[in-house]
Amino acid sequence: MEIEKDESVRWPKPIRTDPEKRNKDLYCRFHKDTGHKTDDCRQLKDEIEFLIRKGKLSRYTRDTDKNPRDNDNRGRDNDDRNKRNQPRGPVINVISGGPTAAGLSSNSRKAYAREVMCIVREPPKRAKIEFALAFDNLDLDRVKFPHDDPLVITPVIGNSFVKRVLVDSGASVDILFHDTYEKMGYSDSQLTPSDMPIYGFNNVETKIEGMIQLPVTMGTEPRQATCMLNFLVVKASSTYNAILGRTGIHAFKAIPSTYHLKIKFPTKNGVGEEIGDQK
């Protein structure tokens, strides 16, 4: 493996799965451990892609970077992105207190959280996925089994870390609940009026307070992505602070997996990921 001699390689952390449960006949030279073959190592493929984009492996590739200044620019872009994505606002925790529209029992609240909100709009243009987004057993090292938990993440919305954001591919829009919206420091005067109706399973229309466009950041550097999303602000009781629907999922070109409790998306430096909060 030629990249073993390259000082630019970022070597992975030790595999955290139980060594006794791994296939000892399979050895990965990148992890220097058993469990899977080197040729099948997803993290190695991501690292090679990252090094190629940085121009570190140009001697092994045909399409070399014609402009050597691009690599320096990318480095500066990463520094700028770090500064831009550093949250300056408060950390938004779970909304609590008082009864909810979903009822008082745990089961009724879970059922309410999975309710599908749908809206008719023009389909987005087809997006090109630049990286293979795949899941394997290495993505299960933090998941506690058995589970039937939803995918709940903590992205940066605006300038705040917002906990308890439900990733719901059954919802066609992105929702920000009004209590959360106010805790983030925004006022109703910043909302754009909207007459878009939202309907649940019972076909009852939910009133929208307005719409606001906010940046959403997922992942960690260097595999981090930010998209501008249009959130519909709704006054409704919920165990979640926001809902990332199909509109947001598609904006990131992302693939969520409730089984792995993780969502993956392409970035300029490889595949980024946001790990779900399992509590």
Protein backbone atom coordinates (compact mmCIF):
# COMPACT_ATOMS: atom_id res chain seq x y z
CA MET A 1 0.00 0.00 0.00
CA GLU A 2 1.94 3.00 -1.34
CA ILE A 3 0.25 5.64 0.82
CA GLU A 4 1.81 4.07 3.91
CA LYS A 5 4.92 6.09 3.06
CA ASP A 6 3.03 9.37 2.64
CA GLU A 7 3.29 11.71 5.63
CA SER A 8 0.02 13.41 4.66
CA VAL A 9 -2.07 10.35 5.49
CA ARG A 10 -4.48 10.80 8.40
CA TRP A 11 -4.48 7.39 10.04
CA PRO A 12 -7.81 6.21 11.46
CA LYS A 13 -8.74 5.66 15.07
CA PRO A 14 -8.73 2.06 16.35
CA ILE A 15 -11.79 -0.03 15.47
CA ARG A 16 -14.10 -0.01 18.46
CA THR A 17 -16.13 -3.13 17.78
CA ASP A 18 -15.51 -6.25 19.87
CA PRO A 19 -12.40 -8.02 18.46
CA GLU A 20 -13.92 -11.40 19.31
CA LYS A 21 -16.85 -10.72 16.98
CA ARG A 22 -14.71 -9.79 13.98
CA ASN A 23 -13.55 -12.06 11.18
CA LYS A 24 -9.89 -12.62 12.08
CA ASP A 25 -9.16 -13.94 8.59
CA LEU A 26 -9.70 -10.44 7.17
CA TYR A 27 -6.97 -7.86 7.78
CA CYS A 28 -6.95 -4.13 7.00
CA ARG A 29 -3.52 -2.56 6.53
CA PHE A 30 -5.04 0.91 6.94
CA HIS A 31 -6.53 0.17 10.39
CA LYS A 32 -3.76 -2.35 11.16
CA ASP A 33 -6.45 -4.60 12.58
CA THR A 34 -8.77 -7.46 11.69
CA GLY A 35 -12.43 -7.41 10.69
CA HIS A 36 -12.40 -6.39 7.03
CA LYS A 37 -10.08 -6.42 4.03
CA THR A 38 -7.95 -3.47 2.99
CA ASP A 39 -9.65 -3.37 -0.42
CA ASP A 40 -13.05 -3.09 1.28
CA CYS A 41 -12.07 -0.36 3.76
CA ARG A 42 -14.47 2.55 3.34
CA GLN A 43 -12.35 4.95 5.41
CA LEU A 44 -9.28 4.16 3.29
CA LYS A 45 -11.20 4.96 0.10
CA ASP A 46 -12.36 8.26 1.60
CA GLU A 47 -8.81 9.10 2.67
CA ILE A 48 -7.40 8.34 -0.79
CA GLU A 49 -10.07 10.54 -2.36
CA PHE A 50 -9.21 13.31 0.10
CA LEU A 51 -5.47 13.05 -0.65
CA ILE A 52 -6.11 13.09 -4.41
CA ARG A 53 -8.19 16.26 -4.10
CA LYS A 54 -5.42 17.84 -2.04
CA GLY A 55 -2.90 16.98 -4.77
CA LYS A 56 -0.90 14.72 -2.46
CA LEU A 57 -1.18 11.70 -4.76
CA SER A 58 -0.79 13.45 -8.11
CA ARG A 59 2.03 11.10 -9.08
CA TYR A 60 -0.43 8.19 -8.96
CA THR A 61 -3.26 9.86 -10.91
CA ARG A 62 -3.68 10.88 -14.53
CA ASP A 63 -5.73 14.01 -13.99
CA THR A 64 -3.31 16.14 -12.03
CA ASP A 65 -4.15 19.56 -10.71
CA LYS A 66 -3.21 22.03 -13.44
CA ASN A 67 -3.26 24.97 -11.08
CA PRO A 68 -0.98 24.41 -8.06
CA ARG A 69 -2.47 27.43 -6.35
CA ASP A 70 -5.83 25.65 -6.07
CA ASN A 71 -4.58 23.50 -3.20
CA ASP A 72 -3.55 26.59 -1.22
CA ASN A 73 -6.90 28.17 -1.98
CA ARG A 74 -8.72 25.08 -0.75
CA GLY A 75 -6.76 25.24 2.48
CA ARG A 76 -7.78 28.86 2.94
CA ASP A 77 -11.37 27.95 2.08
CA ASN A 78 -11.37 25.35 4.86
CA ASP A 79 -10.08 27.94 7.35
CA ASP A 80 -12.73 30.43 6.24
CA ARG A 81 -15.42 27.76 6.48
CA ASN A 82 -14.32 26.92 10.02
CA LYS A 83 -14.80 30.55 10.99
CA ARG A 84 -18.14 30.87 9.21
CA ASN A 85 -19.56 27.70 10.74
CA GLN A 86 -18.49 28.44 14.30
CA PRO A 87 -21.81 28.90 16.17
CA ARG A 88 -22.16 32.24 17.93
CA GLY A 89 -25.64 31.79 19.33
CA PRO A 90 -27.09 29.68 22.15
CA VAL A 91 -27.29 25.90 22.32
CA ILE A 92 -30.93 24.89 21.79
CA ASN A 93 -31.88 21.98 24.02
CA VAL A 94 -35.08 19.94 24.17
CA ILE A 95 -38.34 21.87 24.41
CA SER A 96 -40.01 20.73 27.63
CA GLY A 97 -42.81 21.59 30.00
CA GLY A 98 -46.57 21.44 29.64
CA PRO A 99 -48.78 18.97 27.77
CA THR A 100 -48.29 18.33 24.06
CA ALA A 101 -50.72 17.87 21.22
CA ALA A 102 -49.50 14.29 20.99
CA GLY A 103 -50.78 13.38 24.45
CA LEU A 104 -49.03 12.49 27.68
CA SER A 105 -47.90 8.91 27.05
CA SER A 106 -44.51 8.03 25.56
CA ASN A 107 -46.08 5.91 22.82
CA SER A 108 -48.48 8.64 21.72
CA ARG A 109 -45.65 11.17 21.54
CA LYS A 110 -43.51 8.84 19.41
CA ALA A 111 -46.47 8.29 17.07
CA TYR A 112 -46.99 12.04 16.80
CA ALA A 113 -43.30 12.62 16.05
CA ARG A 114 -43.51 10.24 13.11
CA GLU A 115 -46.52 12.02 11.64
CA VAL A 116 -45.97 12.89 7.99
CA MET A 117 -46.33 16.51 6.93
CA CYS A 118 -46.80 16.82 3.19
CA ILE A 119 -47.05 19.72 0.74
CA VAL A 120 -47.38 19.80 -3.03
CA ARG A 121 -44.54 21.53 -4.83
CA GLU A 122 -42.54 21.16 -8.04
CA PRO A 123 -40.00 18.31 -7.94
CA PRO A 124 -36.36 19.45 -7.62
CA LYS A 125 -33.86 19.02 -10.41
CA ARG A 126 -31.94 15.76 -10.37
CA ALA A 127 -28.73 16.09 -8.35
CA LYS A 128 -25.51 14.32 -9.19
CA ILE A 129 -23.97 12.33 -6.35
CA GLU A 130 -20.17 12.61 -6.57
CA PHE A 131 -19.33 9.99 -3.94
CA ALA A 132 -20.67 6.55 -3.11
CA LEU A 133 -22.77 6.85 0.04
CA ALA A 134 -22.81 3.43 1.69
CA PHE A 135 -23.27 1.98 5.16
CA ASP A 136 -21.57 -1.05 6.68
CA ASN A 137 -20.97 -2.66 10.07
CA LEU A 138 -18.36 -0.04 10.95
CA ASP A 139 -21.21 2.48 11.11
CA LEU A 140 -22.85 0.49 13.92
CA ASP A 141 -20.10 0.86 16.51
CA ARG A 142 -22.04 3.48 18.51
CA VAL A 143 -25.51 2.01 18.07
CA LYS A 144 -27.13 0.17 20.96
CA PHE A 145 -29.25 -2.80 19.95
CA PRO A 146 -32.04 -3.71 19.79
CA HIS A 147 -33.54 -0.37 18.77
CA ASP A 148 -36.37 1.16 16.77
CA ASP A 149 -35.24 4.73 17.37
CA PRO A 150 -35.77 7.54 14.87
CA LEU A 151 -32.79 9.40 13.42
CA VAL A 152 -32.33 12.48 15.60
CA ILE A 153 -29.32 14.75 15.01
CA THR A 154 -27.75 17.98 16.33
CA PRO A 155 -26.85 20.19 13.35
CA VAL A 156 -25.95 23.87 13.39
CA ILE A 157 -28.97 25.93 12.32
CA GLY A 158 -28.25 29.61 11.91
CA ASN A 159 -25.74 30.29 14.68
CA SER A 160 -26.99 27.67 17.13
CA PHE A 161 -26.43 24.01 17.83
CA VAL A 162 -29.99 22.67 17.74
CA LYS A 163 -30.54 19.35 19.46
CA ARG A 164 -33.42 16.95 18.78
CA VAL A 165 -33.78 17.54 15.03
CA LEU A 166 -35.77 14.69 13.49
CA VAL A 167 -34.61 13.47 10.07
CA ASP A 168 -37.86 12.43 8.39
CA SER A 169 -37.88 11.42 4.73
CA GLY A 170 -41.68 11.19 5.00
CA ALA A 171 -41.92 14.96 5.45
CA SER A 172 -41.61 16.95 2.26
CA VAL A 173 -40.72 20.25 3.94
CA ASP A 174 -38.34 21.45 6.65
CA ILE A 175 -40.07 22.49 9.86
CA LEU A 176 -38.83 24.72 12.67
CA PHE A 177 -41.11 24.84 15.70
CA HIS A 178 -41.92 28.32 16.95
CA ASP A 179 -40.66 27.82 20.53
CA THR A 180 -37.29 26.76 19.15
CA TYR A 181 -37.33 29.64 16.68
CA GLU A 182 -37.71 32.14 19.53
CA LYS A 183 -35.02 30.46 21.66
CA MET A 184 -32.62 30.88 18.74
CA GLY A 185 -33.07 34.64 19.07
CA TYR A 186 -35.32 35.30 16.09
CA SER A 187 -38.54 37.34 16.05
CA ASP A 188 -41.75 37.05 14.07
CA SER A 189 -40.84 40.23 12.20
CA GLN A 190 -38.07 38.28 10.44
CA LEU A 191 -40.51 35.76 8.99
CA THR A 192 -41.62 35.87 5.37
CA PRO A 193 -45.40 35.44 5.09
CA SER A 194 -46.41 32.13 3.55
CA ASP A 195 -49.76 30.66 2.60
CA MET A 196 -48.42 27.12 2.09
CA PRO A 197 -50.72 24.62 3.83
CA ILE A 198 -49.33 21.67 5.80
CA TYR A 199 -51.40 18.57 6.36
CA GLY A 200 -50.93 15.56 8.62
CA PHE A 201 -52.39 12.06 8.38
CA ASN A 202 -55.77 13.35 9.56
CA ASN A 203 -55.81 15.89 6.69
CA VAL A 204 -56.15 18.78 9.15
CA GLU A 205 -54.42 21.94 8.01
CA THR A 206 -51.65 23.28 10.26
CA LYS A 207 -51.18 27.03 10.37
CA ILE A 208 -47.79 28.37 9.30
CA GLU A 209 -46.44 31.44 11.08
CA GLY A 210 -44.12 32.19 8.18
CA MET A 211 -40.95 31.12 6.41
CA ILE A 212 -37.29 31.85 7.10
CA GLN A 213 -34.13 30.87 5.22
CA LEU A 214 -31.29 29.71 7.46
CA PRO A 215 -27.92 28.02 6.90
CA VAL A 216 -27.70 24.44 8.15
CA THR A 217 -24.30 22.81 8.73
CA MET A 218 -23.71 19.09 9.21
CA GLY A 219 -20.57 17.01 9.67
CA THR A 220 -17.11 17.89 10.96
CA GLU A 221 -14.18 19.41 9.12
CA PRO A 222 -12.79 18.61 6.66
CA ARG A 223 -15.93 16.70 5.66
CA GLN A 224 -18.54 19.32 6.43
CA ALA A 225 -21.35 20.79 4.34
CA THR A 226 -23.61 23.83 4.66
CA CYS A 227 -26.88 24.41 2.79
CA MET A 228 -29.40 27.24 2.90
CA LEU A 229 -32.80 25.77 3.77
CA ASN A 230 -36.25 27.33 3.83
CA PHE A 231 -37.89 26.48 7.15
CA LEU A 232 -41.62 26.71 7.72
CA VAL A 233 -42.14 27.99 11.26
CA VAL A 234 -45.07 26.28 12.97
CA LYS A 235 -46.69 26.82 16.37
CA ALA A 236 -47.19 23.27 17.57
CA SER A 237 -46.13 21.19 20.55
CA SER A 238 -43.50 18.59 19.74
CA THR A 239 -40.82 16.48 21.38
CA TYR A 240 -38.48 17.72 18.63
CA ASN A 241 -37.09 21.17 17.92
CA ALA A 242 -37.15 20.87 14.12
CA ILE A 243 -37.78 18.42 11.29
CA LEU A 244 -35.36 17.91 8.41
CA GLY A 245 -37.61 16.72 5.59
CA ARG A 246 -36.98 15.60 2.05
CA THR A 247 -36.28 19.16 0.91
CA GLY A 248 -33.35 19.45 3.29
CA ILE A 249 -32.18 15.88 2.77
CA HIS A 250 -32.07 16.41 -0.99
CA ALA A 251 -30.33 19.78 -0.63
CA PHE A 252 -27.44 17.97 1.06
CA LYS A 253 -27.70 15.10 -1.47
CA ALA A 254 -27.82 13.01 1.68
CA ILE A 255 -28.76 9.42 2.47
CA PRO A 256 -30.17 8.78 5.96
CA SER A 257 -30.24 5.37 7.65
CA THR A 258 -32.41 4.89 10.72
CA TYR A 259 -30.89 1.43 11.24
CA HIS A 260 -27.38 2.89 11.46
CA LEU A 261 -28.68 6.09 13.12
CA LYS A 262 -26.60 8.18 10.77
CA ILE A 263 -26.98 10.44 7.75
CA LYS A 264 -24.26 10.68 5.08
CA PHE A 265 -23.67 13.31 2.40
CA PRO A 266 -20.99 14.23 -0.15
CA THR A 267 -18.51 17.04 0.51
CA LYS A 268 -15.53 18.39 -1.41
CA ASN A 269 -13.26 16.27 0.76
CA GLY A 270 -15.16 12.99 0.76
CA VAL A 271 -18.20 11.60 2.52
CA GLY A 272 -19.41 13.59 5.52
CA GLU A 273 -21.68 12.21 8.20
CA GLU A 274 -23.85 13.31 11.09
CA ILE A 275 -24.30 10.73 13.83
CA GLY A 276 -27.71 10.38 15.47
CA ASP A 277 -28.34 10.93 19.17
CA GLN A 278 -29.53 7.68 20.72
CA LYS A 279 -30.95 8.20 24.19
